[in-house]
Amino acid sequence: MTLSRDDLGRLERLRALFLADRRAGEPLPDYWRDDGDLCSYDAVLGARIGWKWDAALAECRDRGFARADGDVVLDYGCGTGVAARRFVAAFGAREVLCHDRSRRAMAYASDRVRRSAPSVPARALPDVGSVAPDVLLVSHVLGELDAAGLRDLERCIARSRRVVVVEPGSQTVARALSALRDRLRTGFHVVAPCPHQDDCPALATGTDWCHFFAPPPSAVFTEGSWVRTNRALGIDARSLPYAFLCLVSGPAPAAPARAPRILGRPVLRPHSVRVQVCEPGRLRDVERPKRDDPTLWRTLKKAPESVRDLP
């Protein structure tokens, strides 16, 4: 990956839009000026989103989310099509529909999906209308919608059989996703990340939020182009916070109780580790002495993203 000064300028403009949003409830305007914006975004910011999708989809798979080789997949608010590409690579698809307010983005996304998976047809879908997809993908959309846009999204979700949403791990957006989850619980069962079907306990206070961290690939620390790009944009390569939700229509099937799900980052001390976990009805802080489970302590130190549940 080699970026020009023009690429970096485009990324700085886009990132400033996302980080310094002062819309006061208004929808974020179309920010794609040309294909150069889409290409620059896809190479860096889109790649970071893709790593979040990889982590979320791996957990979905482990929770029993089935392949989608015969399914119509709708990428809602597709942008450059990162979500659709990652999903097709992990689960397959019969057809991919790319929807966005930007016709330029829809064309770019569908082209990139076809290039990455030549056997899967992909096309733009300017109007979702009454389409009822087998799988609905929503990626980094909640923070860009006004109230009307959110209602449109919820109507599309209600027509879908399976839904995967991946959003930034910021407190505001993650709490909005938890609120959306609770509004949808009557028509869907929650596959991941929640270990229960109850109300989201992160909303019981004004300060908690359900979020996780995806592991970045080693290249972001070892390849000079990534190191220079992250430095130029002020990106902390170690941090990939995300929130996500995986839903399947219908009531929750009978299933054994799940272990508490670890949220956020563990706090490691020389002789103990403290984690926040989600379990039915509450969030709870748990402190484990290192001597009780030295393997867990070492794993949380070296690869905290690899530990989802508290044994």
Protein backbone atom coordinates (compact mmCIF):
# COMPACT_ATOMS: atom_id res chain seq x y z
CA MET A 1 0.00 0.00 0.00
CA THR A 2 1.54 3.25 -1.17
CA LEU A 3 -0.44 6.45 -0.64
CA SER A 4 0.21 9.77 -2.32
CA ARG A 5 -0.16 13.19 -0.72
CA ASP A 6 -3.48 13.45 -2.51
CA ASP A 7 -4.64 10.19 -0.91
CA LEU A 8 -3.63 11.40 2.54
CA GLY A 9 -5.42 14.70 1.98
CA ARG A 10 -8.60 12.87 1.02
CA LEU A 11 -8.36 10.66 4.10
CA GLU A 12 -7.73 13.60 6.41
CA ARG A 13 -10.87 15.31 5.06
CA LEU A 14 -13.01 12.19 5.44
CA ARG A 15 -11.71 11.33 8.89
CA ALA A 16 -12.29 14.90 10.07
CA LEU A 17 -15.92 14.59 8.93
CA PHE A 18 -16.43 11.40 10.90
CA LEU A 19 -14.63 12.53 14.07
CA ALA A 20 -15.86 16.14 14.27
CA ASP A 21 -19.49 15.62 13.39
CA ARG A 22 -21.68 18.50 14.55
CA ARG A 23 -24.86 17.69 12.66
CA ALA A 24 -27.16 18.06 15.69
CA GLY A 25 -29.41 15.24 14.54
CA GLU A 26 -29.27 16.01 10.82
CA PRO A 27 -28.19 13.28 8.38
CA LEU A 28 -24.56 13.39 7.32
CA PRO A 29 -24.40 14.68 3.71
CA ASP A 30 -22.91 12.66 0.86
CA TYR A 31 -19.14 12.97 1.29
CA TRP A 32 -17.94 11.03 -1.78
CA ARG A 33 -16.72 13.65 -4.27
CA ASP A 34 -15.26 11.21 -6.81
CA ASP A 35 -13.83 7.70 -7.14
CA GLY A 36 -10.54 8.93 -5.71
CA ASP A 37 -12.25 9.46 -2.35
CA LEU A 38 -13.64 5.92 -2.45
CA CYS A 39 -10.29 4.36 -3.41
CA SER A 40 -8.34 6.23 -0.72
CA TYR A 41 -10.94 5.43 1.93
CA ASP A 42 -11.09 1.75 0.99
CA ALA A 43 -7.32 1.34 1.23
CA VAL A 44 -7.02 2.58 4.82
CA LEU A 45 -10.21 3.39 6.73
CA GLY A 46 -12.14 0.70 4.86
CA ALA A 47 -9.45 -1.84 5.69
CA ARG A 48 -9.79 -1.01 9.39
CA ILE A 49 -13.56 -1.53 9.16
CA GLY A 50 -12.92 -4.82 7.39
CA TRP A 51 -10.86 -6.07 10.33
CA LYS A 52 -13.78 -5.26 12.63
CA TRP A 53 -16.10 -7.23 10.36
CA ASP A 54 -13.67 -10.16 10.41
CA ALA A 55 -13.81 -10.25 14.21
CA ALA A 56 -17.59 -9.89 14.38
CA LEU A 57 -18.23 -12.51 11.69
CA ALA A 58 -15.88 -14.99 13.36
CA GLU A 59 -17.96 -14.71 16.52
CA CYS A 60 -21.18 -15.05 14.51
CA ARG A 61 -19.85 -18.25 12.97
CA ASP A 62 -18.87 -19.63 16.35
CA ARG A 63 -22.38 -18.86 17.65
CA GLY A 64 -23.99 -20.94 14.90
CA PHE A 65 -24.64 -18.39 12.14
CA ALA A 66 -25.01 -20.57 9.01
CA ARG A 67 -23.54 -20.09 5.55
CA ALA A 68 -25.44 -17.95 3.06
CA ASP A 69 -24.57 -19.52 -0.31
CA GLY A 70 -28.22 -19.49 -1.41
CA ASP A 71 -29.09 -16.11 0.08
CA VAL A 72 -29.66 -12.61 -1.23
CA VAL A 73 -27.44 -10.27 0.81
CA LEU A 74 -28.18 -6.55 1.08
CA ASP A 75 -25.36 -4.21 2.09
CA TYR A 76 -27.27 -1.21 3.50
CA GLY A 77 -25.30 2.03 3.39
CA CYS A 78 -22.64 0.08 1.51
CA GLY A 79 -19.98 2.78 1.09
CA THR A 80 -17.10 0.97 -0.62
CA GLY A 81 -18.66 -2.46 -0.02
CA VAL A 82 -16.30 -3.59 2.73
CA ALA A 83 -19.05 -5.34 4.70
CA ALA A 84 -20.34 -7.27 1.69
CA ARG A 85 -16.86 -8.40 0.65
CA ARG A 86 -15.99 -9.61 4.14
CA PHE A 87 -19.35 -11.37 4.52
CA VAL A 88 -19.15 -13.13 1.16
CA ALA A 89 -15.61 -14.29 1.94
CA ALA A 90 -16.80 -15.75 5.25
CA PHE A 91 -20.30 -17.06 4.45
CA GLY A 92 -20.91 -16.86 0.69
CA ALA A 93 -23.97 -15.43 -1.06
CA ARG A 94 -26.21 -16.05 -4.06
CA GLU A 95 -26.43 -12.35 -4.90
CA VAL A 96 -25.29 -9.09 -3.32
CA LEU A 97 -27.32 -5.87 -3.45
CA CYS A 98 -25.49 -2.64 -2.67
CA HIS A 99 -27.58 0.23 -1.34
CA ASP A 100 -26.34 3.72 -0.54
CA ARG A 101 -27.55 7.31 -0.94
CA SER A 102 -24.54 7.79 -3.26
CA ARG A 103 -24.85 6.26 -6.73
CA ARG A 104 -21.09 6.54 -7.06
CA ALA A 105 -20.61 4.45 -3.92
CA MET A 106 -23.10 1.80 -5.06
CA ALA A 107 -21.31 1.42 -8.40
CA TYR A 108 -17.91 1.23 -6.72
CA ALA A 109 -19.08 -1.26 -4.06
CA SER A 110 -20.80 -3.62 -6.49
CA ASP A 111 -17.74 -3.59 -8.76
CA ARG A 112 -15.43 -4.42 -5.84
CA VAL A 113 -17.70 -7.27 -4.73
CA ARG A 114 -17.68 -8.75 -8.25
CA ARG A 115 -13.90 -8.49 -8.40
CA SER A 116 -13.40 -10.16 -5.02
CA ALA A 117 -15.97 -12.92 -5.68
CA PRO A 118 -16.48 -13.34 -9.46
CA SER A 119 -19.05 -16.11 -8.97
CA VAL A 120 -21.38 -13.88 -6.93
CA PRO A 121 -23.50 -11.36 -8.89
CA ALA A 122 -23.56 -7.90 -7.34
CA ARG A 123 -25.56 -4.84 -8.35
CA ALA A 124 -26.61 -1.43 -7.12
CA LEU A 125 -30.00 -1.06 -5.46
CA PRO A 126 -30.86 2.67 -5.21
CA ASP A 127 -34.27 2.05 -3.59
CA VAL A 128 -34.68 -0.69 -1.00
CA GLY A 129 -38.46 -0.24 -1.26
CA SER A 130 -40.06 -3.39 0.08
CA VAL A 131 -37.08 -5.69 -0.58
CA ALA A 132 -36.84 -8.48 1.99
CA PRO A 133 -33.23 -9.71 2.02
CA ASP A 134 -32.19 -13.06 3.41
CA VAL A 135 -29.22 -11.32 5.06
CA LEU A 136 -29.00 -7.60 5.85
CA LEU A 137 -25.58 -6.05 6.52
CA VAL A 138 -25.32 -2.64 8.19
CA SER A 139 -21.88 -1.10 8.61
CA HIS A 140 -21.03 2.18 10.32
CA VAL A 141 -24.42 3.68 9.50
CA LEU A 142 -26.16 4.53 12.79
CA GLY A 143 -24.06 7.62 13.45
CA GLU A 144 -24.97 9.09 10.04
CA LEU A 145 -28.77 8.77 10.21
CA ASP A 146 -31.41 11.23 11.33
CA ALA A 147 -34.67 10.01 12.90
CA ALA A 148 -36.33 9.38 9.52
CA GLY A 149 -33.32 7.45 8.26
CA LEU A 150 -33.32 5.30 11.39
CA ARG A 151 -37.01 4.48 10.88
CA ASP A 152 -36.30 3.43 7.29
CA LEU A 153 -33.48 1.19 8.47
CA GLU A 154 -35.66 -0.43 11.13
CA ARG A 155 -38.34 -1.17 8.54
CA CYS A 156 -35.73 -2.86 6.36
CA ILE A 157 -34.46 -4.85 9.35
CA ALA A 158 -38.02 -6.01 10.09
CA ARG A 159 -38.27 -7.48 6.56
CA SER A 160 -34.95 -9.37 6.84
CA ARG A 161 -34.37 -12.94 7.95
CA ARG A 162 -30.88 -12.40 9.35
CA VAL A 163 -29.11 -9.18 10.29
CA VAL A 164 -25.50 -8.30 11.11
CA VAL A 165 -24.68 -4.76 12.25
CA VAL A 166 -21.13 -3.55 12.89
CA GLU A 167 -20.62 -0.03 14.25
CA PRO A 168 -17.86 2.08 15.80
CA GLY A 169 -17.10 1.22 19.40
CA SER A 170 -17.74 4.76 20.64
CA GLN A 171 -19.98 5.19 23.65
CA THR A 172 -22.66 7.14 21.80
CA VAL A 173 -23.00 4.83 18.80
CA ALA A 174 -22.67 1.61 20.82
CA ARG A 175 -25.44 2.71 23.16
CA ALA A 176 -27.60 3.57 20.15
CA LEU A 177 -27.01 0.04 18.86
CA SER A 178 -28.01 -1.41 22.24
CA ALA A 179 -31.22 0.62 22.14
CA LEU A 180 -31.92 -0.66 18.62
CA ARG A 181 -31.30 -4.22 19.84
CA ASP A 182 -33.87 -3.84 22.59
CA ARG A 183 -36.48 -2.47 20.17
CA LEU A 184 -35.97 -5.49 17.88
CA ARG A 185 -36.00 -8.25 20.50
CA THR A 186 -39.67 -9.14 19.99
CA GLY A 187 -39.16 -10.18 16.36
CA PHE A 188 -35.62 -11.55 16.48
CA HIS A 189 -33.38 -13.61 18.68
CA VAL A 190 -29.89 -12.34 19.43
CA VAL A 191 -27.15 -14.65 18.18
CA ALA A 192 -24.15 -12.51 19.18
CA PRO A 193 -22.51 -11.00 21.08
CA CYS A 194 -25.04 -11.16 23.91
CA PRO A 195 -25.06 -14.21 26.23
CA HIS A 196 -28.80 -13.68 26.88
CA GLN A 197 -32.04 -12.37 25.33
CA ASP A 198 -32.89 -9.89 28.11
CA ASP A 199 -32.80 -6.10 27.95
CA CYS A 200 -29.29 -4.76 27.39
CA PRO A 201 -27.84 -4.10 30.86
CA ALA A 202 -25.37 -1.58 29.43
CA LEU A 203 -28.29 0.85 29.17
CA ALA A 204 -29.10 0.60 32.88
CA THR A 205 -26.61 3.39 33.58
CA GLY A 206 -25.59 6.42 31.56
CA THR A 207 -21.91 5.49 31.39
CA ASP A 208 -21.63 1.85 30.26
CA TRP A 209 -21.54 0.64 26.68
CA CYS A 210 -21.16 -2.71 24.93
CA HIS A 211 -17.99 -2.70 22.85
CA PHE A 212 -15.04 -4.85 21.90
CA PHE A 213 -11.65 -4.58 20.20
CA ALA A 214 -10.67 -6.34 16.98
CA PRO A 215 -7.10 -7.56 16.49
CA PRO A 216 -5.26 -5.63 13.75
CA PRO A 217 -3.01 -7.62 11.41
CA SER A 218 0.70 -7.53 12.17
CA ALA A 219 1.34 -5.63 8.91
CA VAL A 220 0.08 -2.38 10.44
CA PHE A 221 3.05 -2.47 12.81
CA THR A 222 5.71 -3.90 10.49
CA GLU A 223 5.06 -2.48 7.01
CA GLY A 224 6.52 0.96 6.49
CA SER A 225 3.58 2.18 4.39
CA TRP A 226 1.10 1.39 7.16
CA VAL A 227 3.33 2.89 9.84
CA ARG A 228 3.74 6.12 7.87
CA THR A 229 0.03 6.33 7.03
CA ASN A 230 -1.10 5.79 10.60
CA ARG A 231 1.39 8.38 11.83
CA ALA A 232 0.28 10.92 9.22
CA LEU A 233 -3.41 10.48 10.08
CA GLY A 234 -2.94 10.22 13.84
CA ILE A 235 -4.39 6.70 13.98
CA ASP A 236 -3.62 4.44 16.92
CA ALA A 237 -2.98 1.19 15.05
CA ARG A 238 -3.40 -0.85 18.23
CA SER A 239 -7.01 0.23 18.77
CA LEU A 240 -9.91 -1.13 16.71
CA PRO A 241 -13.00 -0.59 18.90
CA TYR A 242 -16.30 -1.83 17.55
CA ALA A 243 -19.83 -2.73 18.58
CA PHE A 244 -21.89 -5.32 16.75
CA LEU A 245 -25.15 -7.21 16.72
CA CYS A 246 -26.23 -10.42 15.01
CA LEU A 247 -29.94 -11.22 14.81
CA VAL A 248 -32.04 -14.04 13.35
CA SER A 249 -35.79 -13.64 12.87
CA GLY A 250 -38.07 -15.61 15.14
CA PRO A 251 -38.00 -16.59 18.80
CA ALA A 252 -34.80 -17.71 20.46
CA PRO A 253 -34.24 -21.47 20.27
CA ALA A 254 -33.63 -23.40 23.45
CA ALA A 255 -29.94 -23.26 24.22
CA PRO A 256 -27.66 -23.93 27.18
CA ALA A 257 -26.66 -20.98 29.31
CA ARG A 258 -23.70 -19.03 27.95
CA ALA A 259 -20.70 -17.88 29.90
CA PRO A 260 -20.54 -14.14 30.69
CA ARG A 261 -19.29 -12.09 27.70
CA ILE A 262 -16.24 -9.90 28.34
CA LEU A 263 -16.67 -6.25 27.32
CA GLY A 264 -14.04 -3.65 26.49
CA ARG A 265 -10.44 -4.16 27.56
CA PRO A 266 -9.20 -6.08 30.61
CA VAL A 267 -7.26 -4.21 33.26
CA LEU A 268 -4.12 -6.19 34.00
CA ARG A 269 -2.21 -5.83 37.24
CA PRO A 270 0.93 -7.74 38.23
CA HIS A 271 -1.03 -10.30 40.24
CA SER A 272 -4.61 -10.03 38.96
CA VAL A 273 -6.87 -9.07 36.09
CA ARG A 274 -10.15 -7.16 36.17
CA VAL A 275 -12.78 -7.46 33.43
CA GLN A 276 -16.30 -6.20 32.93
CA VAL A 277 -18.71 -8.93 31.85
CA CYS A 278 -22.27 -9.00 30.55
CA GLU A 279 -24.66 -11.58 31.92
CA PRO A 280 -28.46 -11.77 32.20
CA GLY A 281 -29.78 -8.68 33.91
CA ARG A 282 -26.52 -6.90 34.66
CA LEU A 283 -22.98 -5.90 33.90
CA ARG A 284 -20.48 -7.00 36.52
CA ASP A 285 -16.83 -6.25 37.30
CA VAL A 286 -14.86 -9.40 38.03
CA GLU A 287 -11.35 -9.55 39.47
CA ARG A 288 -9.38 -12.78 39.10
CA PRO A 289 -6.10 -13.42 40.93
CA LYS A 290 -3.33 -14.46 38.56
CA ARG A 291 -2.57 -17.51 40.68
CA ASP A 292 -6.14 -18.86 40.14
CA ASP A 293 -5.77 -19.00 36.36
CA PRO A 294 -2.28 -18.05 35.12
CA THR A 295 -3.12 -19.19 31.58
CA LEU A 296 -6.06 -16.78 31.39
CA TRP A 297 -3.91 -13.95 32.76
CA ARG A 298 -1.18 -14.56 30.15
CA THR A 299 -3.69 -14.78 27.31
CA LEU A 300 -5.40 -11.56 28.34
CA LYS A 301 -2.00 -9.89 28.45
CA LYS A 302 -0.78 -11.10 25.04
CA ALA A 303 -4.00 -11.38 23.02
CA PRO A 304 -6.95 -9.91 24.94
CA GLU A 305 -9.16 -9.84 21.81
CA SER A 306 -8.99 -13.64 21.62
CA VAL A 307 -10.86 -14.14 24.91
CA ARG A 308 -14.59 -13.55 24.52
CA ASP A 309 -16.15 -15.36 27.46
CA LEU A 310 -15.12 -15.50 31.09
CA PRO A 311 -14.60 -19.15 32.02
